[in-house]
Amino acid sequence: MKGIVFVMSGPSGAGKTSILKEVLNRNENLDFSVSYATRERRPAEIDGKDYIFVSEAEFGKLLEENEFLEWAKVHGNYYGTSRNQVKKSVDSDRDILLDVDIQGAMSIMNALEDAVYIFVAPPSYGELIRRLESRGTENIESLKMRLEDAKWELEQVKHFQYLVVNDNLNHSVSQFEAIITAERLRVDRIVNEKGERFLFEEKTR
């Protein structure tokens, strides 16, 4: 069975990164797609692990080489998902998790119909404001921009297959893992592309 592409998205401050780290720690057959980014690296971030940080010129070159499955300009910076990373995992029968913005997720929907799309939302807009303010990584203008964008982003949940409301991290991680398990158990994924019958058929004769 080929690997499954799981696409996680949601507004900034929803807690996607916290969920992602726990899910990756608990699932051995799940890779993480490290996105390219042109923004400055934050103090706690590791280049090549959290993002692959590149200049705008380098990003433009990769774009010309068709390296990106999707890309977008978000809050003044460019982000892109590596087409080769995703293909390598799927072809190696490993699942892969993408953490992308809403624009990116909707672009991937047009390219990968068989991917699984999961929306992570905060319990309320007020809680989203509190989380973004407490991060201390945004200036006033950037914070206002993110909050305005979040209003539109939250409306796009209707385009996704699953919704995880992140009001409690452990509960949210359990819900996320339940989605992964359910998708891995789908009959149309277990029966391979050649249309071969179930492996236990011989035993039922």
N, C-alpha and C. Protein backbone atom coordinates (compact mmCIF):
# COMPACT_ATOMS: atom_id res chain seq x y z
N MET A 1 0.84 -1.19 0.00
CA MET A 1 0.00 0.00 0.00
C MET A 1 0.88 1.25 0.00
N LYS A 2 0.65 2.12 -0.96
CA LYS A 2 1.42 3.35 -1.02
C LYS A 2 1.14 4.23 0.19
N GLY A 3 2.09 5.12 0.46
CA GLY A 3 1.93 6.01 1.60
C GLY A 3 0.78 6.98 1.40
N ILE A 4 0.26 7.48 2.51
CA ILE A 4 -0.86 8.43 2.51
C ILE A 4 -0.33 9.83 2.81
N VAL A 5 -0.85 10.80 2.10
CA VAL A 5 -0.48 12.20 2.34
C VAL A 5 -1.52 12.83 3.25
N PHE A 6 -1.09 13.26 4.44
CA PHE A 6 -1.97 13.95 5.38
C PHE A 6 -1.62 15.43 5.36
N VAL A 7 -2.61 16.26 5.09
CA VAL A 7 -2.40 17.71 4.99
C VAL A 7 -3.08 18.40 6.17
N MET A 8 -2.26 18.99 7.04
CA MET A 8 -2.76 19.71 8.21
C MET A 8 -2.73 21.21 7.92
N SER A 9 -3.82 21.89 8.26
CA SER A 9 -3.84 23.34 8.05
C SER A 9 -4.73 24.00 9.09
N GLY A 10 -4.65 25.32 9.15
CA GLY A 10 -5.44 26.09 10.10
C GLY A 10 -4.77 27.44 10.32
N PRO A 11 -5.43 28.34 11.00
CA PRO A 11 -4.86 29.68 11.22
C PRO A 11 -3.68 29.66 12.17
N SER A 12 -2.82 30.66 12.07
CA SER A 12 -1.71 30.80 13.01
C SER A 12 -2.27 30.93 14.42
N GLY A 13 -1.69 30.19 15.35
CA GLY A 13 -2.16 30.24 16.73
C GLY A 13 -3.12 29.13 17.09
N ALA A 14 -3.46 28.28 16.12
CA ALA A 14 -4.39 27.18 16.39
C ALA A 14 -3.70 26.05 17.17
N GLY A 15 -2.37 26.02 17.14
CA GLY A 15 -1.64 24.98 17.87
C GLY A 15 -1.23 23.81 17.01
N LYS A 16 -1.10 24.05 15.72
CA LYS A 16 -0.75 22.96 14.79
C LYS A 16 0.61 22.34 15.13
N THR A 17 1.59 23.18 15.43
CA THR A 17 2.94 22.69 15.68
C THR A 17 3.00 21.76 16.88
N SER A 18 2.29 22.09 17.94
CA SER A 18 2.27 21.25 19.15
C SER A 18 1.67 19.88 18.85
N ILE A 19 0.58 19.87 18.10
CA ILE A 19 -0.06 18.61 17.72
C ILE A 19 0.88 17.81 16.83
N LEU A 20 1.46 18.48 15.86
CA LEU A 20 2.34 17.83 14.89
C LEU A 20 3.50 17.11 15.59
N LYS A 21 4.16 17.76 16.51
CA LYS A 21 5.31 17.17 17.19
C LYS A 21 4.92 15.90 17.94
N GLU A 22 3.78 15.93 18.63
CA GLU A 22 3.33 14.75 19.39
C GLU A 22 2.95 13.61 18.45
N VAL A 23 2.25 13.93 17.38
CA VAL A 23 1.82 12.90 16.43
C VAL A 23 3.03 12.24 15.78
N LEU A 24 4.03 13.03 15.40
CA LEU A 24 5.23 12.47 14.78
C LEU A 24 6.00 11.59 15.76
N ASN A 25 6.03 11.97 17.03
CA ASN A 25 6.74 11.18 18.04
C ASN A 25 6.08 9.82 18.25
N ARG A 26 4.77 9.75 18.05
CA ARG A 26 4.03 8.52 18.35
C ARG A 26 3.82 7.62 17.14
N ASN A 27 4.17 8.08 15.95
CA ASN A 27 3.92 7.31 14.73
C ASN A 27 5.21 7.11 13.94
N GLU A 28 5.73 5.88 13.96
CA GLU A 28 7.01 5.59 13.31
C GLU A 28 6.93 5.66 11.79
N ASN A 29 5.79 5.29 11.22
CA ASN A 29 5.68 5.25 9.76
C ASN A 29 5.12 6.55 9.19
N LEU A 30 5.44 7.65 9.84
CA LEU A 30 4.94 8.95 9.42
C LEU A 30 6.09 9.94 9.28
N ASP A 31 6.33 10.39 8.06
CA ASP A 31 7.35 11.39 7.80
C ASP A 31 6.76 12.79 7.90
N PHE A 32 7.63 13.77 7.99
CA PHE A 32 7.19 15.17 8.01
C PHE A 32 7.79 15.90 6.82
N SER A 33 6.94 16.59 6.08
CA SER A 33 7.40 17.37 4.95
C SER A 33 7.90 18.73 5.45
N VAL A 34 9.19 18.95 5.32
CA VAL A 34 9.78 20.21 5.78
C VAL A 34 9.62 21.26 4.67
N SER A 35 8.85 22.29 4.95
CA SER A 35 8.57 23.32 3.95
C SER A 35 9.74 24.28 3.78
N TYR A 36 9.83 24.86 2.60
CA TYR A 36 10.78 25.94 2.34
C TYR A 36 10.15 27.25 2.81
N ALA A 37 10.96 28.15 3.32
CA ALA A 37 10.45 29.44 3.79
C ALA A 37 11.49 30.53 3.58
N THR A 38 11.01 31.72 3.23
CA THR A 38 11.93 32.85 3.04
C THR A 38 11.95 33.79 4.24
N ARG A 39 11.11 33.52 5.24
CA ARG A 39 11.12 34.41 6.40
C ARG A 39 12.34 34.13 7.28
N GLU A 40 12.60 35.02 8.23
CA GLU A 40 13.73 34.84 9.13
C GLU A 40 13.45 33.71 10.12
N ARG A 41 14.49 33.00 10.46
CA ARG A 41 14.36 31.90 11.41
C ARG A 41 14.15 32.44 12.81
N ARG A 42 13.16 31.88 13.54
CA ARG A 42 12.94 32.26 14.92
C ARG A 42 13.96 31.56 15.81
N PRO A 43 14.24 32.11 17.00
CA PRO A 43 15.30 31.57 17.87
C PRO A 43 15.21 30.08 18.15
N ALA A 44 14.01 29.55 18.35
CA ALA A 44 13.87 28.14 18.72
C ALA A 44 13.84 27.21 17.51
N GLU A 45 13.83 27.76 16.30
CA GLU A 45 13.69 26.93 15.11
C GLU A 45 15.04 26.42 14.60
N ILE A 46 14.99 25.22 13.99
CA ILE A 46 16.20 24.59 13.45
C ILE A 46 16.06 24.50 11.94
N ASP A 47 17.03 25.04 11.23
CA ASP A 47 17.02 25.00 9.77
C ASP A 47 17.12 23.55 9.29
N GLY A 48 16.22 23.15 8.40
CA GLY A 48 16.21 21.80 7.90
C GLY A 48 15.30 20.87 8.67
N LYS A 49 14.87 21.29 9.85
CA LYS A 49 13.96 20.48 10.67
C LYS A 49 12.59 21.14 10.75
N ASP A 50 12.56 22.41 11.14
CA ASP A 50 11.29 23.13 11.22
C ASP A 50 10.90 23.67 9.84
N TYR A 51 11.86 24.31 9.20
CA TYR A 51 11.73 24.80 7.83
C TYR A 51 13.08 24.71 7.16
N ILE A 52 13.08 24.75 5.84
CA ILE A 52 14.32 24.93 5.08
C ILE A 52 14.35 26.40 4.71
N PHE A 53 15.17 27.17 5.37
CA PHE A 53 15.18 28.62 5.19
C PHE A 53 16.06 28.99 3.99
N VAL A 54 15.48 29.72 3.06
CA VAL A 54 16.19 30.13 1.84
C VAL A 54 15.90 31.60 1.57
N SER A 55 16.72 32.18 0.71
CA SER A 55 16.49 33.57 0.29
C SER A 55 15.39 33.59 -0.77
N GLU A 56 14.88 34.76 -1.06
CA GLU A 56 13.86 34.87 -2.11
C GLU A 56 14.43 34.46 -3.47
N ALA A 57 15.70 34.75 -3.70
CA ALA A 57 16.33 34.37 -4.97
C ALA A 57 16.41 32.85 -5.09
N GLU A 58 16.79 32.18 -4.00
CA GLU A 58 16.86 30.71 -4.00
C GLU A 58 15.47 30.10 -4.18
N PHE A 59 14.49 30.71 -3.55
CA PHE A 59 13.11 30.24 -3.67
C PHE A 59 12.65 30.35 -5.13
N GLY A 60 12.98 31.47 -5.75
CA GLY A 60 12.60 31.68 -7.14
C GLY A 60 13.22 30.65 -8.07
N LYS A 61 14.46 30.27 -7.79
CA LYS A 61 15.14 29.26 -8.61
C LYS A 61 14.45 27.90 -8.47
N LEU A 62 14.09 27.55 -7.25
CA LEU A 62 13.39 26.28 -7.00
C LEU A 62 12.02 26.27 -7.67
N LEU A 63 11.39 27.42 -7.69
CA LEU A 63 10.09 27.56 -8.34
C LEU A 63 10.21 27.30 -9.84
N GLU A 64 11.26 27.83 -10.45
CA GLU A 64 11.50 27.61 -11.87
C GLU A 64 11.78 26.15 -12.19
N GLU A 65 12.37 25.45 -11.22
CA GLU A 65 12.70 24.03 -11.40
C GLU A 65 11.51 23.11 -11.09
N ASN A 66 10.35 23.71 -10.79
CA ASN A 66 9.12 22.95 -10.49
C ASN A 66 9.28 22.07 -9.25
N GLU A 67 10.01 22.56 -8.27
CA GLU A 67 10.26 21.80 -7.05
C GLU A 67 9.04 21.78 -6.12
N PHE A 68 8.14 22.75 -6.26
CA PHE A 68 7.06 22.89 -5.28
C PHE A 68 5.75 22.24 -5.72
N LEU A 69 5.20 21.46 -4.80
CA LEU A 69 3.86 20.91 -4.99
C LEU A 69 2.85 22.04 -4.86
N GLU A 70 3.14 22.95 -3.96
CA GLU A 70 2.35 24.17 -3.79
C GLU A 70 3.27 25.23 -3.20
N TRP A 71 2.92 26.48 -3.43
CA TRP A 71 3.66 27.57 -2.83
C TRP A 71 2.74 28.77 -2.70
N ALA A 72 3.08 29.66 -1.79
CA ALA A 72 2.24 30.84 -1.58
C ALA A 72 3.04 31.93 -0.87
N LYS A 73 2.58 33.14 -1.03
CA LYS A 73 3.14 34.27 -0.28
C LYS A 73 2.19 34.55 0.87
N VAL A 74 2.69 34.41 2.08
CA VAL A 74 1.85 34.57 3.28
C VAL A 74 2.52 35.56 4.23
N HIS A 75 1.78 36.60 4.59
CA HIS A 75 2.29 37.62 5.50
C HIS A 75 3.63 38.18 5.03
N GLY A 76 3.77 38.33 3.71
CA GLY A 76 4.96 38.94 3.14
C GLY A 76 6.13 38.00 2.89
N ASN A 77 5.95 36.72 3.20
CA ASN A 77 7.02 35.74 3.00
C ASN A 77 6.54 34.60 2.10
N TYR A 78 7.48 33.91 1.46
CA TYR A 78 7.15 32.80 0.58
C TYR A 78 7.35 31.46 1.28
N TYR A 79 6.41 30.55 1.05
CA TYR A 79 6.48 29.20 1.60
C TYR A 79 6.19 28.20 0.49
N GLY A 80 6.86 27.05 0.52
CA GLY A 80 6.62 26.05 -0.51
C GLY A 80 6.80 24.64 0.01
N THR A 81 6.01 23.71 -0.53
CA THR A 81 6.08 22.29 -0.16
C THR A 81 6.84 21.54 -1.23
N SER A 82 7.85 20.80 -0.81
CA SER A 82 8.71 20.06 -1.75
C SER A 82 7.96 18.90 -2.39
N ARG A 83 7.86 18.93 -3.70
CA ARG A 83 7.23 17.85 -4.45
C ARG A 83 8.04 16.55 -4.29
N ASN A 84 9.37 16.66 -4.30
CA ASN A 84 10.23 15.48 -4.22
C ASN A 84 10.16 14.80 -2.85
N GLN A 85 10.06 15.59 -1.78
CA GLN A 85 9.92 15.02 -0.44
C GLN A 85 8.67 14.16 -0.34
N VAL A 86 7.57 14.68 -0.82
CA VAL A 86 6.29 13.98 -0.74
C VAL A 86 6.34 12.70 -1.59
N LYS A 87 6.84 12.82 -2.79
CA LYS A 87 6.91 11.66 -3.69
C LYS A 87 7.80 10.56 -3.12
N LYS A 88 8.92 10.93 -2.54
CA LYS A 88 9.86 9.96 -1.98
C LYS A 88 9.20 9.14 -0.87
N SER A 89 8.47 9.79 0.03
CA SER A 89 7.81 9.09 1.13
C SER A 89 6.71 8.17 0.61
N VAL A 90 5.84 8.70 -0.24
CA VAL A 90 4.71 7.93 -0.75
C VAL A 90 5.19 6.71 -1.53
N ASP A 91 6.21 6.87 -2.36
CA ASP A 91 6.73 5.77 -3.15
C ASP A 91 7.47 4.74 -2.30
N SER A 92 7.86 5.14 -1.08
CA SER A 92 8.53 4.22 -0.16
C SER A 92 7.55 3.59 0.82
N ASP A 93 6.25 3.72 0.52
CA ASP A 93 5.18 3.15 1.35
C ASP A 93 5.15 3.76 2.75
N ARG A 94 5.57 5.00 2.86
CA ARG A 94 5.52 5.72 4.14
C ARG A 94 4.52 6.87 4.03
N ASP A 95 3.79 7.09 5.10
CA ASP A 95 2.87 8.21 5.14
C ASP A 95 3.67 9.48 5.38
N ILE A 96 3.10 10.61 4.97
CA ILE A 96 3.80 11.89 5.17
C ILE A 96 2.80 12.95 5.60
N LEU A 97 3.22 13.78 6.53
CA LEU A 97 2.37 14.83 7.08
C LEU A 97 2.87 16.20 6.62
N LEU A 98 1.97 16.97 6.02
CA LEU A 98 2.29 18.33 5.57
C LEU A 98 1.60 19.33 6.49
N ASP A 99 2.34 20.33 6.92
CA ASP A 99 1.79 21.43 7.71
C ASP A 99 1.86 22.68 6.83
N VAL A 100 0.73 23.07 6.26
CA VAL A 100 0.72 24.18 5.30
C VAL A 100 -0.38 25.18 5.66
N ASP A 101 -0.25 26.40 5.13
CA ASP A 101 -1.27 27.41 5.35
C ASP A 101 -2.52 27.06 4.53
N ILE A 102 -3.58 27.79 4.75
CA ILE A 102 -4.86 27.49 4.09
C ILE A 102 -4.74 27.58 2.57
N GLN A 103 -4.07 28.63 2.08
CA GLN A 103 -3.89 28.76 0.63
C GLN A 103 -3.18 27.55 0.06
N GLY A 104 -2.13 27.10 0.75
CA GLY A 104 -1.37 25.95 0.29
C GLY A 104 -2.21 24.68 0.29
N ALA A 105 -2.99 24.48 1.34
CA ALA A 105 -3.84 23.29 1.42
C ALA A 105 -4.84 23.25 0.27
N MET A 106 -5.42 24.39 -0.04
CA MET A 106 -6.42 24.43 -1.10
C MET A 106 -5.78 24.23 -2.48
N SER A 107 -4.53 24.63 -2.62
CA SER A 107 -3.80 24.36 -3.88
C SER A 107 -3.54 22.87 -4.02
N ILE A 108 -3.16 22.21 -2.91
CA ILE A 108 -2.88 20.78 -2.93
C ILE A 108 -4.15 20.00 -3.23
N MET A 109 -5.30 20.50 -2.79
CA MET A 109 -6.57 19.83 -3.06
C MET A 109 -6.80 19.66 -4.56
N ASN A 110 -6.31 20.61 -5.33
CA ASN A 110 -6.46 20.53 -6.79
C ASN A 110 -5.47 19.56 -7.42
N ALA A 111 -4.39 19.25 -6.69
CA ALA A 111 -3.34 18.38 -7.24
C ALA A 111 -3.41 16.95 -6.71
N LEU A 112 -3.83 16.80 -5.45
CA LEU A 112 -3.85 15.48 -4.81
C LEU A 112 -5.24 15.19 -4.26
N GLU A 113 -6.06 14.54 -5.04
CA GLU A 113 -7.43 14.25 -4.61
C GLU A 113 -7.47 13.20 -3.51
N ASP A 114 -6.46 12.31 -3.48
CA ASP A 114 -6.48 11.20 -2.53
C ASP A 114 -5.83 11.55 -1.20
N ALA A 115 -5.36 12.77 -1.05
CA ALA A 115 -4.77 13.18 0.22
C ALA A 115 -5.87 13.38 1.27
N VAL A 116 -5.46 13.42 2.54
CA VAL A 116 -6.40 13.59 3.65
C VAL A 116 -6.21 14.99 4.22
N TYR A 117 -7.29 15.76 4.29
CA TYR A 117 -7.20 17.17 4.67
C TYR A 117 -7.82 17.40 6.05
N ILE A 118 -6.99 17.89 6.97
CA ILE A 118 -7.39 18.06 8.37
C ILE A 118 -7.23 19.52 8.78
N PHE A 119 -8.32 20.10 9.26
CA PHE A 119 -8.32 21.51 9.68
C PHE A 119 -8.18 21.56 11.21
N VAL A 120 -7.20 22.31 11.69
CA VAL A 120 -7.01 22.50 13.13
C VAL A 120 -7.47 23.92 13.49
N ALA A 121 -8.42 24.00 14.42
CA ALA A 121 -8.99 25.30 14.78
C ALA A 121 -8.84 25.55 16.28
N PRO A 122 -8.77 26.81 16.67
CA PRO A 122 -8.77 27.15 18.10
C PRO A 122 -10.20 27.01 18.63
N PRO A 123 -10.39 26.89 19.93
CA PRO A 123 -11.75 26.77 20.47
C PRO A 123 -12.60 28.04 20.27
N SER A 124 -11.96 29.18 20.09
CA SER A 124 -12.69 30.42 19.85
C SER A 124 -11.74 31.45 19.24
N TYR A 125 -12.32 32.50 18.67
CA TYR A 125 -11.51 33.57 18.09
C TYR A 125 -10.78 34.33 19.21
N GLY A 126 -11.44 34.47 20.35
CA GLY A 126 -10.81 35.14 21.49
C GLY A 126 -9.58 34.39 21.97
N GLU A 127 -9.66 33.06 21.98
CA GLU A 127 -8.51 32.25 22.40
C GLU A 127 -7.39 32.36 21.37
N LEU A 128 -7.75 32.48 20.10
CA LEU A 128 -6.74 32.66 19.06
C LEU A 128 -5.96 33.95 19.29
N ILE A 129 -6.66 35.02 19.61
CA ILE A 129 -6.01 36.30 19.90
C ILE A 129 -5.04 36.15 21.08
N ARG A 130 -5.52 35.48 22.13
CA ARG A 130 -4.69 35.30 23.33
C ARG A 130 -3.42 34.52 23.01
N ARG A 131 -3.54 33.47 22.21
CA ARG A 131 -2.38 32.64 21.86
C ARG A 131 -1.37 33.41 21.03
N LEU A 132 -1.85 34.15 20.05
CA LEU A 132 -0.93 34.92 19.20
C LEU A 132 -0.21 36.00 20.01
N GLU A 133 -0.93 36.67 20.90
CA GLU A 133 -0.31 37.71 21.73
C GLU A 133 0.73 37.11 22.68
N SER A 134 0.43 35.93 23.23
CA SER A 134 1.33 35.32 24.21
C SER A 134 2.61 34.78 23.58
N ARG A 135 2.59 34.52 22.25
CA ARG A 135 3.80 34.01 21.59
C ARG A 135 4.92 35.05 21.61
N GLY A 136 4.55 36.31 21.52
CA GLY A 136 5.54 37.38 21.55
C GLY A 136 6.45 37.43 20.34
N THR A 137 6.01 36.83 19.22
CA THR A 137 6.85 36.79 18.02
C THR A 137 6.38 37.77 16.95
N GLU A 138 5.29 38.46 17.21
CA GLU A 138 4.73 39.36 16.20
C GLU A 138 4.76 40.81 16.68
N ASN A 139 5.03 41.73 15.74
CA ASN A 139 4.84 43.13 16.07
C ASN A 139 3.36 43.46 15.89
N ILE A 140 2.96 44.67 16.22
CA ILE A 140 1.54 45.03 16.21
C ILE A 140 0.93 44.88 14.82
N GLU A 141 1.64 45.34 13.80
CA GLU A 141 1.10 45.26 12.44
C GLU A 141 0.97 43.81 11.97
N SER A 142 1.98 43.01 12.27
CA SER A 142 1.95 41.61 11.88
C SER A 142 0.82 40.86 12.59
N LEU A 143 0.63 41.19 13.87
CA LEU A 143 -0.45 40.56 14.65
C LEU A 143 -1.81 40.90 14.08
N LYS A 144 -2.00 42.17 13.73
CA LYS A 144 -3.28 42.60 13.15
C LYS A 144 -3.53 41.89 11.82
N MET A 145 -2.48 41.72 11.02
CA MET A 145 -2.61 41.05 9.73
C MET A 145 -3.02 39.59 9.92
N ARG A 146 -2.38 38.91 10.86
CA ARG A 146 -2.69 37.51 11.11
C ARG A 146 -4.12 37.33 11.61
N LEU A 147 -4.58 38.22 12.45
CA LEU A 147 -5.93 38.13 12.99
C LEU A 147 -6.98 38.40 11.92
N GLU A 148 -6.69 39.33 11.03
CA GLU A 148 -7.61 39.59 9.92
C GLU A 148 -7.67 38.40 8.97
N ASP A 149 -6.49 37.84 8.67
CA ASP A 149 -6.43 36.66 7.80
C ASP A 149 -7.17 35.49 8.42
N ALA A 150 -7.09 35.38 9.74
CA ALA A 150 -7.70 34.24 10.43
C ALA A 150 -9.22 34.19 10.23
N LYS A 151 -9.84 35.34 10.09
CA LYS A 151 -11.30 35.37 9.89
C LYS A 151 -11.66 34.64 8.59
N TRP A 152 -10.91 34.92 7.54
CA TRP A 152 -11.16 34.23 6.26
C TRP A 152 -10.76 32.77 6.35
N GLU A 153 -9.62 32.51 7.00
CA GLU A 153 -9.11 31.15 7.10
C GLU A 153 -10.09 30.23 7.82
N LEU A 154 -10.69 30.71 8.89
CA LEU A 154 -11.64 29.88 9.65
C LEU A 154 -12.88 29.53 8.83
N GLU A 155 -13.22 30.36 7.89
CA GLU A 155 -14.38 30.09 7.04
C GLU A 155 -14.11 28.97 6.04
N GLN A 156 -12.84 28.64 5.81
CA GLN A 156 -12.49 27.64 4.80
C GLN A 156 -12.56 26.21 5.31
N VAL A 157 -12.96 26.02 6.57
CA VAL A 157 -13.05 24.68 7.15
C VAL A 157 -13.99 23.78 6.33
N LYS A 158 -14.95 24.37 5.65
CA LYS A 158 -15.92 23.60 4.86
C LYS A 158 -15.28 22.82 3.72
N HIS A 159 -14.06 23.18 3.34
CA HIS A 159 -13.38 22.49 2.24
C HIS A 159 -12.58 21.28 2.72
N PHE A 160 -12.49 21.08 4.03
CA PHE A 160 -11.67 20.01 4.59
C PHE A 160 -12.52 18.80 4.96
N GLN A 161 -11.86 17.65 5.14
CA GLN A 161 -12.56 16.41 5.48
C GLN A 161 -12.73 16.23 6.98
N TYR A 162 -11.77 16.72 7.76
CA TYR A 162 -11.79 16.52 9.21
C TYR A 162 -11.53 17.85 9.93
N LEU A 163 -12.11 17.96 11.13
CA LEU A 163 -11.90 19.14 11.97
C LEU A 163 -11.43 18.70 13.35
N VAL A 164 -10.31 19.26 13.80
CA VAL A 164 -9.82 19.05 15.16
C VAL A 164 -9.81 20.40 15.86
N VAL A 165 -10.64 20.55 16.88
CA VAL A 165 -10.68 21.79 17.66
C VAL A 165 -9.68 21.63 18.80
N ASN A 166 -8.63 22.41 18.76
CA ASN A 166 -7.52 22.24 19.70
C ASN A 166 -7.76 23.02 21.00
N ASP A 167 -8.59 22.43 21.88
CA ASP A 167 -8.80 23.05 23.18
C ASP A 167 -8.02 22.34 24.28
N ASN A 168 -7.56 21.11 23.97
CA ASN A 168 -6.75 20.32 24.90
C ASN A 168 -5.77 19.51 24.06
N LEU A 169 -4.48 19.67 24.31
CA LEU A 169 -3.48 19.06 23.43
C LEU A 169 -3.59 17.55 23.37
N ASN A 170 -3.67 16.88 24.52
CA ASN A 170 -3.74 15.42 24.51
C ASN A 170 -4.97 14.91 23.77
N HIS A 171 -6.10 15.58 23.97
CA HIS A 171 -7.33 15.19 23.29
C HIS A 171 -7.19 15.41 21.78
N SER A 172 -6.60 16.52 21.41
CA SER A 172 -6.44 16.84 19.98
C SER A 172 -5.50 15.86 19.29
N VAL A 173 -4.43 15.48 19.99
CA VAL A 173 -3.49 14.49 19.43
C VAL A 173 -4.19 13.15 19.24
N SER A 174 -5.01 12.75 20.22
CA SER A 174 -5.75 11.49 20.11
C SER A 174 -6.71 11.53 18.93
N GLN A 175 -7.37 12.65 18.73
CA GLN A 175 -8.27 12.79 17.59
C GLN A 175 -7.51 12.70 16.27
N PHE A 176 -6.37 13.34 16.22
CA PHE A 176 -5.55 13.33 15.01
C PHE A 176 -5.09 11.91 14.69
N GLU A 177 -4.66 11.18 15.72
CA GLU A 177 -4.22 9.80 15.53
C GLU A 177 -5.38 8.91 15.09
N ALA A 178 -6.58 9.20 15.58
CA ALA A 178 -7.76 8.43 15.18
C ALA A 178 -8.03 8.60 13.69
N ILE A 179 -7.80 9.81 13.18
CA ILE A 179 -7.98 10.07 11.75
C ILE A 179 -6.96 9.27 10.95
N ILE A 180 -5.72 9.27 11.41
CA ILE A 180 -4.66 8.51 10.71
C ILE A 180 -5.01 7.03 10.67
N THR A 181 -5.44 6.49 11.81
CA THR A 181 -5.79 5.07 11.87
C THR A 181 -6.95 4.75 10.95
N ALA A 182 -7.98 5.58 10.97
CA ALA A 182 -9.16 5.35 10.13
C ALA A 182 -8.79 5.34 8.65
N GLU A 183 -7.94 6.28 8.24
CA GLU A 183 -7.54 6.35 6.84
C GLU A 183 -6.70 5.15 6.43
N ARG A 184 -5.87 4.67 7.34
CA ARG A 184 -5.04 3.49 7.03
C ARG A 184 -5.89 2.22 6.91
N LEU A 185 -7.06 2.21 7.52
CA LEU A 185 -7.93 1.03 7.50
C LEU A 185 -8.99 1.08 6.41
N ARG A 186 -9.00 2.11 5.60
CA ARG A 186 -9.98 2.18 4.52
C ARG A 186 -9.76 1.05 3.52
N VAL A 187 -10.85 0.38 3.15
CA VAL A 187 -10.77 -0.76 2.25
C VAL A 187 -10.13 -0.39 0.91
N ASP A 188 -10.49 0.78 0.38
CA ASP A 188 -9.94 1.16 -0.92
C ASP A 188 -8.45 1.43 -0.87
N ARG A 189 -7.88 1.60 0.33
CA ARG A 189 -6.43 1.74 0.44
C ARG A 189 -5.77 0.37 0.64
N ILE A 190 -6.46 -0.52 1.37
CA ILE A 190 -5.90 -1.84 1.65
C ILE A 190 -5.85 -2.70 0.39
N VAL A 191 -6.93 -2.64 -0.40
CA VAL A 191 -6.94 -3.36 -1.67
C VAL A 191 -6.06 -2.57 -2.63
N ASN A 192 -5.01 -3.20 -3.15
CA ASN A 192 -4.02 -2.44 -3.89
C ASN A 192 -4.51 -2.00 -5.27
N GLU A 193 -3.69 -1.23 -5.93
CA GLU A 193 -4.07 -0.60 -7.20
C GLU A 193 -4.34 -1.61 -8.32
N LYS A 194 -3.79 -2.80 -8.21
CA LYS A 194 -3.98 -3.82 -9.24
C LYS A 194 -5.32 -4.54 -9.09
N GLY A 195 -6.05 -4.23 -8.02
CA GLY A 195 -7.34 -4.86 -7.82
C GLY A 195 -7.24 -6.26 -7.27
N GLU A 196 -6.11 -6.60 -6.66
CA GLU A 196 -5.96 -7.93 -6.09
C GLU A 196 -6.91 -8.12 -4.92
N ARG A 197 -7.30 -9.37 -4.68
CA ARG A 197 -8.28 -9.65 -3.65
C ARG A 197 -7.64 -9.66 -2.27
N PHE A 198 -8.47 -9.68 -1.25
CA PHE A 198 -7.98 -9.69 0.12
C PHE A 198 -7.05 -10.88 0.36
N LEU A 199 -6.05 -10.66 1.18
CA LEU A 199 -5.07 -11.69 1.44
C LEU A 199 -5.66 -12.91 2.15
N PHE A 200 -6.77 -12.70 2.87
CA PHE A 200 -7.34 -13.81 3.62
C PHE A 200 -8.37 -14.60 2.81
N GLU A 201 -8.51 -14.32 1.53
CA GLU A 201 -9.54 -14.99 0.73
C GLU A 201 -9.37 -16.50 0.73
N GLU A 202 -8.11 -16.99 0.61
CA GLU A 202 -7.85 -18.42 0.55
C GLU A 202 -8.40 -19.13 1.78
N LYS A 203 -8.36 -18.46 2.92
CA LYS A 203 -8.79 -19.08 4.17
C LYS A 203 -10.30 -19.23 4.26
N THR A 204 -11.04 -18.49 3.45
CA THR A 204 -12.50 -18.49 3.54
C THR A 204 -13.14 -19.46 2.56
N ARG A 205 -12.36 -20.10 1.70
CA ARG A 205 -12.91 -21.01 0.72
C ARG A 205 -13.37 -22.32 1.37
